Structure formats: structure tokens, C-alpha cells
Amino acid sequence: MATQNSDLVANLEATPSVANATQELGGRVRVAQGTVAVAADGSGTGDIIMLAPIPTNASITSIKLASDDLDSNGSPALLWDVGLYDTSGTAKDADFYATDITLGQAATAFTEYRFEAANINTCGQKVWEDAGDSAQPEAATYYLAMTVSTAAATGAAGDVSFIVEYVVD
């Protein structure tokens, strides 16, 4: 079997060696976590929950979400997208990380959603790249958010909790 090096190894073995991007090797892990109380009427199509501010030069490694039962087993069921918004509330890519997830159809334990919709080759990308920007924007922060893609027939009040891990320079 042949040996194949990742870019991280190839960069180290190059002469002279090449520095790797810090979000890929040697960066600092940060965590944003919390809980949002969602009102019974807060689950209409297009409703947004801004979860956390994330630096645009960060690389998100994990998005874990949990929730109470927010749709009382109604039909249609409550569905969410997970993506990025700028600080003015404009969607950059509202469903980059997850599309039509069933979070809230029943009480849900923490579940990983970072690559539910995003291709695995986005691993190591910076938030501004995930947002579809062609270059690092002047804005230092985007919001990670959940957007209702399909409203619940019968909304219920409850909590949504999140744990987001990201790497910064």
C-alpha cells in the first residue's frame, strides 16, 4: 500500500517547511454554549434563533443542538435549518450546516449537526468561506442561527440548547 500525506504532513516535510493554517493545526479551541427559551408562537416559518456570534476567521468544528418537544407531535412537523447570518440579520447561508432537521419534534438529546448538510471537504474552512464570501469580510463576526424551514402545526414552548466549538488563530 502506498503512503499518502495530508497537506499538514506534506507542508512539514517540504524543504523549506511550509506553515499550516492555524485553524488546521495549532489553533485555539473556543466554545459558545447556552440555552434559548422558545415561545409557543416562536416556531413559524422563517422565524430565526440567533445562537452565537462566531468570528468570521474561525473554523467551526462542532455544532451540537438539543431541544424540548416544540411541536407537540403536530403535522406538519417542525423543521429547522442551521446556518450563518451577518450582524444586521441578513442571511449569508441560512442552511449551510443543516437543512430541514427534525430538532424539536420530540425532546432531543445533544446531536451533532456540523456536517449534516455541509460537505466533509469544508472541514477546516473559515466561517467566511462557509458563508459563501469570496474574501475575508471586514465584519469580524457572523451569527450562527437556526431558521424554521417548516412551521409546526401546533407549536409548543420549550428550550433549545447549543454547544458550538470553533478554532481561532
N, C-alpha and C. Protein backbone atom coordinates (compact mmCIF):
# COMPACT_ATOMS: atom_id res chain seq x y z
N MET A 1 0.84 -1.18 0.00
CA MET A 1 0.00 0.00 0.00
C MET A 1 0.89 1.24 0.00
N ALA A 2 0.54 2.21 -0.78
CA ALA A 2 1.30 3.45 -0.87
C ALA A 2 0.98 4.35 0.32
N THR A 3 1.93 5.21 0.65
CA THR A 3 1.72 6.19 1.72
C THR A 3 1.29 7.50 1.08
N GLN A 4 0.24 8.08 1.62
CA GLN A 4 -0.24 9.36 1.12
C GLN A 4 -0.26 10.34 2.27
N ASN A 5 0.34 11.50 2.09
CA ASN A 5 0.41 12.51 3.15
C ASN A 5 -0.72 13.52 3.02
N SER A 6 -1.26 13.91 4.16
CA SER A 6 -2.19 15.05 4.17
C SER A 6 -1.37 16.31 3.89
N ASP A 7 -2.04 17.41 3.62
CA ASP A 7 -1.33 18.67 3.43
C ASP A 7 -0.53 19.06 4.67
N LEU A 8 -1.06 18.72 5.86
CA LEU A 8 -0.36 19.05 7.10
C LEU A 8 1.01 18.37 7.16
N VAL A 9 1.08 17.11 6.78
CA VAL A 9 2.34 16.36 6.79
C VAL A 9 3.23 16.82 5.63
N ALA A 10 2.64 16.99 4.46
CA ALA A 10 3.42 17.42 3.29
C ALA A 10 4.06 18.78 3.54
N ASN A 11 3.33 19.69 4.16
CA ASN A 11 3.88 21.01 4.46
C ASN A 11 5.05 20.93 5.44
N LEU A 12 4.95 20.04 6.43
CA LEU A 12 6.03 19.86 7.40
C LEU A 12 7.27 19.27 6.73
N GLU A 13 7.07 18.32 5.83
CA GLU A 13 8.19 17.64 5.18
C GLU A 13 8.79 18.43 4.02
N ALA A 14 8.11 19.48 3.57
CA ALA A 14 8.62 20.28 2.46
C ALA A 14 9.92 20.96 2.87
N THR A 15 10.77 21.25 1.89
CA THR A 15 12.02 21.96 2.14
C THR A 15 12.01 23.25 1.32
N PRO A 16 11.97 24.39 1.97
CA PRO A 16 11.77 24.59 3.41
C PRO A 16 10.33 24.24 3.78
N SER A 17 10.11 23.96 5.07
CA SER A 17 8.76 23.59 5.50
C SER A 17 7.82 24.77 5.31
N VAL A 18 6.55 24.44 5.12
CA VAL A 18 5.51 25.44 4.86
C VAL A 18 4.60 25.50 6.09
N ALA A 19 4.29 26.71 6.52
CA ALA A 19 3.41 26.88 7.69
C ALA A 19 1.99 26.46 7.33
N ASN A 20 1.35 25.74 8.21
CA ASN A 20 -0.06 25.37 8.03
C ASN A 20 -0.95 26.45 8.61
N ALA A 21 -2.17 26.55 8.09
CA ALA A 21 -3.15 27.49 8.64
C ALA A 21 -3.46 27.09 10.07
N THR A 22 -3.53 28.05 10.98
CA THR A 22 -3.70 27.73 12.39
C THR A 22 -5.04 27.07 12.69
N GLN A 23 -6.07 27.32 11.86
CA GLN A 23 -7.33 26.63 12.12
C GLN A 23 -7.23 25.15 11.79
N GLU A 24 -6.18 24.77 11.07
CA GLU A 24 -5.98 23.36 10.73
C GLU A 24 -4.97 22.67 11.65
N LEU A 25 -4.03 23.42 12.23
CA LEU A 25 -3.04 22.82 13.11
C LEU A 25 -2.52 23.87 14.09
N GLY A 26 -2.78 23.67 15.37
CA GLY A 26 -2.23 24.55 16.39
C GLY A 26 -3.10 25.70 16.82
N GLY A 27 -4.33 25.79 16.33
CA GLY A 27 -5.22 26.87 16.75
C GLY A 27 -5.77 26.63 18.14
N ARG A 28 -6.49 27.62 18.66
CA ARG A 28 -7.10 27.53 19.99
C ARG A 28 -8.59 27.21 19.84
N VAL A 29 -9.05 26.22 20.59
CA VAL A 29 -10.46 25.85 20.56
C VAL A 29 -11.23 26.76 21.50
N ARG A 30 -12.35 27.25 21.02
CA ARG A 30 -13.26 28.09 21.81
C ARG A 30 -14.62 27.43 21.82
N VAL A 31 -15.43 27.74 22.82
CA VAL A 31 -16.76 27.17 22.94
C VAL A 31 -17.77 28.29 23.15
N ALA A 32 -18.88 28.19 22.44
CA ALA A 32 -20.05 29.04 22.69
C ALA A 32 -21.17 28.08 23.05
N GLN A 33 -21.82 28.32 24.19
CA GLN A 33 -22.89 27.41 24.60
C GLN A 33 -23.95 28.18 25.37
N GLY A 34 -25.15 27.64 25.34
CA GLY A 34 -26.23 28.30 26.06
C GLY A 34 -27.56 27.65 25.76
N THR A 35 -28.62 28.29 26.25
CA THR A 35 -29.98 27.82 26.07
C THR A 35 -30.86 29.00 25.70
N VAL A 36 -31.79 28.76 24.77
CA VAL A 36 -32.74 29.79 24.35
C VAL A 36 -34.14 29.27 24.66
N ALA A 37 -34.93 30.08 25.36
CA ALA A 37 -36.33 29.74 25.61
C ALA A 37 -37.14 30.15 24.40
N VAL A 38 -37.83 29.19 23.79
CA VAL A 38 -38.62 29.45 22.59
C VAL A 38 -40.09 29.51 22.98
N ALA A 39 -40.77 30.60 22.62
CA ALA A 39 -42.19 30.75 22.92
C ALA A 39 -43.01 29.84 22.00
N ALA A 40 -44.21 29.51 22.41
CA ALA A 40 -45.08 28.64 21.61
C ALA A 40 -45.32 29.22 20.23
N ASP A 41 -45.35 30.54 20.13
CA ASP A 41 -45.59 31.15 18.82
C ASP A 41 -44.28 31.47 18.11
N GLY A 42 -43.15 30.99 18.62
CA GLY A 42 -41.86 31.28 18.02
C GLY A 42 -41.36 30.21 17.08
N SER A 43 -42.27 29.50 16.43
CA SER A 43 -41.84 28.44 15.53
C SER A 43 -42.56 28.52 14.18
N GLY A 44 -42.79 29.74 13.72
CA GLY A 44 -43.39 29.93 12.41
C GLY A 44 -42.33 29.94 11.33
N THR A 45 -42.70 29.56 10.13
CA THR A 45 -41.75 29.52 9.03
C THR A 45 -41.02 30.85 8.90
N GLY A 46 -39.70 30.77 8.83
CA GLY A 46 -38.87 31.96 8.72
C GLY A 46 -38.41 32.54 10.04
N ASP A 47 -38.98 32.07 11.14
CA ASP A 47 -38.52 32.54 12.45
C ASP A 47 -37.05 32.12 12.63
N ILE A 48 -36.29 32.97 13.30
CA ILE A 48 -34.85 32.76 13.44
C ILE A 48 -34.47 32.80 14.91
N ILE A 49 -33.60 31.88 15.30
CA ILE A 49 -32.97 31.94 16.62
C ILE A 49 -31.49 32.16 16.39
N MET A 50 -30.99 33.33 16.76
CA MET A 50 -29.56 33.63 16.67
C MET A 50 -28.89 32.96 17.87
N LEU A 51 -28.08 31.95 17.62
CA LEU A 51 -27.49 31.18 18.70
C LEU A 51 -26.25 31.81 19.30
N ALA A 52 -25.28 32.17 18.44
CA ALA A 52 -24.00 32.64 18.97
C ALA A 52 -23.24 33.46 17.93
N PRO A 53 -22.52 34.49 18.38
CA PRO A 53 -21.62 35.20 17.48
C PRO A 53 -20.34 34.38 17.30
N ILE A 54 -19.92 34.20 16.06
CA ILE A 54 -18.72 33.43 15.75
C ILE A 54 -17.80 34.32 14.91
N PRO A 55 -16.52 34.42 15.26
CA PRO A 55 -15.60 35.23 14.45
C PRO A 55 -15.55 34.69 13.01
N THR A 56 -15.52 35.59 12.05
CA THR A 56 -15.50 35.17 10.65
C THR A 56 -14.22 34.45 10.28
N ASN A 57 -13.15 34.64 11.04
CA ASN A 57 -11.89 33.95 10.74
C ASN A 57 -11.75 32.64 11.52
N ALA A 58 -12.81 32.22 12.21
CA ALA A 58 -12.81 30.96 12.94
C ALA A 58 -13.19 29.81 12.01
N SER A 59 -12.93 28.60 12.47
CA SER A 59 -13.35 27.40 11.76
C SER A 59 -14.20 26.58 12.72
N ILE A 60 -15.48 26.38 12.37
CA ILE A 60 -16.39 25.64 13.25
C ILE A 60 -16.10 24.15 13.10
N THR A 61 -15.86 23.49 14.23
CA THR A 61 -15.58 22.06 14.23
C THR A 61 -16.75 21.22 14.71
N SER A 62 -17.67 21.82 15.48
CA SER A 62 -18.78 21.06 16.02
C SER A 62 -19.96 21.97 16.31
N ILE A 63 -21.16 21.50 15.96
CA ILE A 63 -22.41 22.18 16.31
C ILE A 63 -23.32 21.12 16.90
N LYS A 64 -23.52 21.17 18.21
CA LYS A 64 -24.40 20.22 18.89
C LYS A 64 -25.64 20.97 19.36
N LEU A 65 -26.81 20.40 19.08
CA LEU A 65 -28.08 21.00 19.45
C LEU A 65 -28.95 19.99 20.19
N ALA A 66 -29.74 20.49 21.13
CA ALA A 66 -30.71 19.68 21.86
C ALA A 66 -31.95 20.54 22.06
N SER A 67 -33.10 19.88 22.25
CA SER A 67 -34.32 20.66 22.44
C SER A 67 -35.38 19.89 23.19
N ASP A 68 -36.32 20.66 23.71
CA ASP A 68 -37.55 20.09 24.24
C ASP A 68 -38.46 19.78 23.05
N ASP A 69 -39.61 19.16 23.32
CA ASP A 69 -40.62 18.93 22.29
C ASP A 69 -41.27 20.28 21.98
N LEU A 70 -41.03 20.79 20.78
CA LEU A 70 -41.52 22.12 20.42
C LEU A 70 -42.70 22.09 19.45
N ASP A 71 -43.11 20.91 18.98
CA ASP A 71 -44.21 20.90 18.02
C ASP A 71 -45.40 20.04 18.46
N SER A 72 -45.37 19.53 19.69
CA SER A 72 -46.49 18.77 20.25
C SER A 72 -46.99 17.68 19.31
N ASN A 73 -46.06 17.06 18.58
CA ASN A 73 -46.37 15.96 17.66
C ASN A 73 -47.38 16.35 16.59
N GLY A 74 -47.38 17.60 16.22
CA GLY A 74 -48.30 18.06 15.18
C GLY A 74 -47.84 17.67 13.79
N SER A 75 -48.71 17.88 12.82
CA SER A 75 -48.37 17.63 11.43
C SER A 75 -48.85 18.83 10.63
N PRO A 76 -48.02 19.57 9.91
CA PRO A 76 -46.63 19.17 9.66
C PRO A 76 -45.75 19.37 10.88
N ALA A 77 -44.64 18.65 10.86
CA ALA A 77 -43.68 18.71 11.95
C ALA A 77 -42.78 19.93 11.80
N LEU A 78 -42.21 20.36 12.90
CA LEU A 78 -41.29 21.50 12.94
C LEU A 78 -39.94 21.09 12.36
N LEU A 79 -39.44 21.83 11.38
CA LEU A 79 -38.14 21.57 10.76
C LEU A 79 -37.29 22.84 10.80
N TRP A 80 -35.97 22.65 10.99
CA TRP A 80 -35.04 23.77 11.13
C TRP A 80 -33.89 23.66 10.13
N ASP A 81 -33.36 24.82 9.74
CA ASP A 81 -32.09 24.93 9.03
C ASP A 81 -31.09 25.54 10.00
N VAL A 82 -29.80 25.24 9.81
CA VAL A 82 -28.75 25.83 10.63
C VAL A 82 -27.72 26.45 9.71
N GLY A 83 -27.46 27.74 9.90
CA GLY A 83 -26.52 28.43 9.01
C GLY A 83 -26.02 29.73 9.60
N LEU A 84 -25.64 30.64 8.72
CA LEU A 84 -24.96 31.87 9.12
C LEU A 84 -25.72 33.12 8.67
N TYR A 85 -25.72 34.13 9.55
CA TYR A 85 -26.30 35.44 9.28
C TYR A 85 -25.27 36.49 9.61
N ASP A 86 -25.34 37.64 8.91
CA ASP A 86 -24.46 38.74 9.31
C ASP A 86 -25.11 39.46 10.49
N THR A 87 -24.42 40.42 11.06
CA THR A 87 -24.90 41.07 12.28
C THR A 87 -26.09 41.99 12.04
N SER A 88 -26.44 42.25 10.77
CA SER A 88 -27.65 43.03 10.50
C SER A 88 -28.88 42.13 10.41
N GLY A 89 -28.68 40.81 10.52
CA GLY A 89 -29.78 39.87 10.45
C GLY A 89 -30.06 39.33 9.05
N THR A 90 -29.17 39.63 8.11
CA THR A 90 -29.33 39.15 6.74
C THR A 90 -28.66 37.79 6.60
N ALA A 91 -29.37 36.86 5.99
CA ALA A 91 -28.82 35.52 5.80
C ALA A 91 -27.62 35.55 4.87
N LYS A 92 -26.55 34.91 5.30
CA LYS A 92 -25.38 34.68 4.43
C LYS A 92 -25.57 33.34 3.74
N ASP A 93 -25.80 32.29 4.52
CA ASP A 93 -26.18 30.96 4.03
C ASP A 93 -26.95 30.31 5.18
N ALA A 94 -28.27 30.40 5.13
CA ALA A 94 -29.12 30.02 6.25
C ALA A 94 -29.17 28.52 6.52
N ASP A 95 -28.71 27.71 5.56
CA ASP A 95 -28.77 26.26 5.78
C ASP A 95 -27.46 25.56 5.41
N PHE A 96 -26.34 26.26 5.59
CA PHE A 96 -25.05 25.68 5.22
C PHE A 96 -24.74 24.42 6.03
N TYR A 97 -25.00 24.44 7.32
CA TYR A 97 -24.62 23.33 8.19
C TYR A 97 -25.68 22.23 8.28
N ALA A 98 -26.95 22.60 8.26
CA ALA A 98 -28.02 21.61 8.37
C ALA A 98 -29.27 22.12 7.65
N THR A 99 -30.01 21.18 7.05
CA THR A 99 -31.22 21.51 6.30
C THR A 99 -32.36 20.61 6.75
N ASP A 100 -33.46 21.24 7.11
CA ASP A 100 -34.69 20.51 7.48
C ASP A 100 -34.46 19.46 8.56
N ILE A 101 -33.73 19.82 9.60
CA ILE A 101 -33.53 18.86 10.69
C ILE A 101 -34.78 18.80 11.56
N THR A 102 -34.99 17.67 12.19
CA THR A 102 -36.21 17.43 12.96
C THR A 102 -36.08 17.81 14.43
N LEU A 103 -35.09 18.62 14.76
CA LEU A 103 -34.92 19.06 16.14
C LEU A 103 -36.21 19.70 16.64
N GLY A 104 -36.72 19.23 17.76
CA GLY A 104 -37.93 19.82 18.33
C GLY A 104 -39.18 19.02 18.07
N GLN A 105 -39.11 17.97 17.24
CA GLN A 105 -40.30 17.14 17.04
C GLN A 105 -40.60 16.32 18.27
N ALA A 106 -39.58 16.06 19.04
CA ALA A 106 -39.70 15.40 20.35
C ALA A 106 -38.50 15.89 21.15
N ALA A 107 -38.51 15.65 22.44
CA ALA A 107 -37.33 16.03 23.22
C ALA A 107 -36.12 15.33 22.62
N THR A 108 -35.07 16.09 22.35
CA THR A 108 -33.91 15.57 21.63
C THR A 108 -32.65 15.82 22.45
N ALA A 109 -31.85 14.78 22.66
CA ALA A 109 -30.56 14.92 23.33
C ALA A 109 -29.58 15.60 22.37
N PHE A 110 -28.44 16.06 22.89
CA PHE A 110 -27.46 16.72 22.04
C PHE A 110 -27.08 15.83 20.87
N THR A 111 -27.18 16.41 19.67
CA THR A 111 -26.88 15.73 18.42
C THR A 111 -25.97 16.61 17.59
N GLU A 112 -25.00 16.01 16.92
CA GLU A 112 -24.02 16.73 16.09
C GLU A 112 -24.62 17.08 14.73
N TYR A 113 -24.52 18.37 14.33
CA TYR A 113 -25.07 18.83 13.06
C TYR A 113 -24.06 19.54 12.16
N ARG A 114 -22.79 19.63 12.53
CA ARG A 114 -21.81 20.40 11.74
C ARG A 114 -21.77 19.97 10.27
N PHE A 115 -21.86 18.67 10.02
CA PHE A 115 -21.75 18.19 8.64
C PHE A 115 -23.05 17.53 8.16
N GLU A 116 -24.18 17.91 8.74
CA GLU A 116 -25.44 17.33 8.30
C GLU A 116 -25.70 17.71 6.84
N ALA A 117 -25.48 18.97 6.47
CA ALA A 117 -25.66 19.42 5.08
C ALA A 117 -24.33 19.80 4.43
N ALA A 118 -23.39 20.29 5.22
CA ALA A 118 -22.10 20.72 4.68
C ALA A 118 -21.27 19.52 4.24
N ASN A 119 -20.62 19.65 3.12
CA ASN A 119 -19.75 18.59 2.62
C ASN A 119 -18.56 18.42 3.56
N ILE A 120 -18.06 17.20 3.70
CA ILE A 120 -16.93 16.97 4.61
C ILE A 120 -15.68 17.71 4.15
N ASN A 121 -15.60 18.09 2.87
CA ASN A 121 -14.41 18.83 2.42
C ASN A 121 -14.41 20.28 2.89
N THR A 122 -15.44 20.69 3.63
CA THR A 122 -15.44 22.03 4.24
C THR A 122 -14.76 22.02 5.60
N CYS A 123 -14.31 20.86 6.05
CA CYS A 123 -13.58 20.75 7.31
C CYS A 123 -12.33 21.62 7.23
N GLY A 124 -12.16 22.51 8.19
CA GLY A 124 -11.01 23.41 8.19
C GLY A 124 -11.27 24.76 7.53
N GLN A 125 -12.39 24.90 6.83
CA GLN A 125 -12.71 26.20 6.23
C GLN A 125 -13.06 27.21 7.32
N LYS A 126 -12.83 28.46 7.00
CA LYS A 126 -13.21 29.53 7.92
C LYS A 126 -14.68 29.89 7.72
N VAL A 127 -15.26 30.51 8.73
CA VAL A 127 -16.68 30.87 8.71
C VAL A 127 -17.02 31.73 7.49
N TRP A 128 -16.16 32.66 7.12
CA TRP A 128 -16.46 33.50 5.97
C TRP A 128 -16.53 32.67 4.69
N GLU A 129 -15.78 31.59 4.61
CA GLU A 129 -15.87 30.70 3.46
C GLU A 129 -17.17 29.90 3.51
N ASP A 130 -17.54 29.43 4.69
CA ASP A 130 -18.80 28.72 4.86
C ASP A 130 -19.97 29.62 4.47
N ALA A 131 -19.84 30.90 4.72
CA ALA A 131 -20.91 31.86 4.41
C ALA A 131 -20.98 32.19 2.92
N GLY A 132 -20.01 31.71 2.14
CA GLY A 132 -20.04 31.96 0.70
C GLY A 132 -19.32 33.21 0.26
N ASP A 133 -18.60 33.85 1.18
CA ASP A 133 -17.85 35.06 0.82
C ASP A 133 -16.61 34.67 0.01
N SER A 134 -16.20 35.54 -0.91
CA SER A 134 -15.03 35.26 -1.73
C SER A 134 -13.73 35.72 -1.07
N ALA A 135 -13.85 36.52 -0.02
CA ALA A 135 -12.67 37.00 0.73
C ALA A 135 -13.10 37.29 2.16
N GLN A 136 -12.11 37.38 3.04
CA GLN A 136 -12.38 37.71 4.45
C GLN A 136 -13.09 39.06 4.50
N PRO A 137 -14.30 39.12 5.07
CA PRO A 137 -15.02 40.40 5.13
C PRO A 137 -14.47 41.30 6.24
N GLU A 138 -14.80 42.57 6.17
CA GLU A 138 -14.41 43.49 7.23
C GLU A 138 -15.17 43.17 8.52
N ALA A 139 -16.39 42.64 8.38
CA ALA A 139 -17.16 42.27 9.56
C ALA A 139 -16.40 41.19 10.33
N ALA A 140 -16.24 41.38 11.60
CA ALA A 140 -15.46 40.45 12.42
C ALA A 140 -16.28 39.26 12.90
N THR A 141 -17.61 39.36 12.78
CA THR A 141 -18.48 38.35 13.38
C THR A 141 -19.68 38.04 12.48
N TYR A 142 -20.04 36.77 12.43
CA TYR A 142 -21.33 36.34 11.88
C TYR A 142 -22.05 35.60 13.00
N TYR A 143 -23.37 35.48 12.86
CA TYR A 143 -24.16 34.75 13.84
C TYR A 143 -24.47 33.35 13.32
N LEU A 144 -24.26 32.36 14.16
CA LEU A 144 -24.73 31.02 13.87
C LEU A 144 -26.20 31.01 14.29
N ALA A 145 -27.07 30.53 13.41
CA ALA A 145 -28.50 30.65 13.67
C ALA A 145 -29.27 29.42 13.21
N MET A 146 -30.44 29.25 13.82
CA MET A 146 -31.41 28.25 13.39
C MET A 146 -32.59 29.01 12.80
N THR A 147 -33.07 28.54 11.64
CA THR A 147 -34.21 29.16 10.96
C THR A 147 -35.28 28.09 10.76
N VAL A 148 -36.52 28.41 11.07
CA VAL A 148 -37.61 27.47 10.85
C VAL A 148 -37.84 27.35 9.34
N SER A 149 -37.67 26.13 8.81
CA SER A 149 -37.91 25.91 7.38
C SER A 149 -39.33 25.41 7.14
N THR A 150 -39.91 24.71 8.11
CA THR A 150 -41.32 24.29 8.05
C THR A 150 -41.91 24.50 9.44
N ALA A 151 -42.98 25.29 9.48
CA ALA A 151 -43.60 25.59 10.77
C ALA A 151 -44.36 24.39 11.30
N ALA A 152 -44.43 24.32 12.60
CA ALA A 152 -45.20 23.25 13.26
C ALA A 152 -46.68 23.60 13.21
N ALA A 153 -47.51 22.59 13.04
CA ALA A 153 -48.95 22.81 13.07
C ALA A 153 -49.39 23.27 14.44
N THR A 154 -48.75 22.71 15.47
CA THR A 154 -49.08 23.07 16.85
C THR A 154 -47.79 23.34 17.60
N GLY A 155 -47.41 24.60 17.69
CA GLY A 155 -46.17 24.97 18.36
C GLY A 155 -46.29 24.88 19.87
N ALA A 156 -45.20 24.52 20.51
CA ALA A 156 -45.15 24.44 21.97
C ALA A 156 -43.93 25.20 22.47
N ALA A 157 -44.06 25.78 23.64
CA ALA A 157 -42.93 26.47 24.24
C ALA A 157 -41.93 25.45 24.75
N GLY A 158 -40.66 25.83 24.78
CA GLY A 158 -39.62 24.95 25.29
C GLY A 158 -38.25 25.56 25.09
N ASP A 159 -37.23 24.77 25.36
CA ASP A 159 -35.85 25.25 25.28
C ASP A 159 -35.10 24.58 24.14
N VAL A 160 -34.18 25.35 23.56
CA VAL A 160 -33.19 24.84 22.61
C VAL A 160 -31.82 25.15 23.23
N SER A 161 -30.98 24.14 23.35
CA SER A 161 -29.63 24.34 23.88
C SER A 161 -28.61 24.04 22.80
N PHE A 162 -27.45 24.69 22.91
CA PHE A 162 -26.42 24.53 21.89
C PHE A 162 -25.04 24.49 22.53
N ILE A 163 -24.15 23.76 21.88
CA ILE A 163 -22.72 23.77 22.20
C ILE A 163 -22.00 23.84 20.86
N VAL A 164 -21.30 24.93 20.64
CA VAL A 164 -20.58 25.14 19.39
C VAL A 164 -19.09 25.25 19.70
N GLU A 165 -18.29 24.44 19.03
CA GLU A 165 -16.83 24.52 19.17
C GLU A 165 -16.24 25.05 17.87
N TYR A 166 -15.29 25.96 18.03
CA TYR A 166 -14.62 26.51 16.85
C TYR A 166 -13.16 26.79 17.18
N VAL A 167 -12.36 26.86 16.13
CA VAL A 167 -10.92 27.09 16.27
C VAL A 167 -10.60 28.47 15.74
N VAL A 168 -9.78 29.22 16.49
CA VAL A 168 -9.34 30.54 16.07
C VAL A 168 -7.81 30.57 16.02
N ASP A 169 -7.31 31.57 15.30
CA ASP A 169 -5.86 31.76 15.19
C ASP A 169 -5.27 32.07 16.55
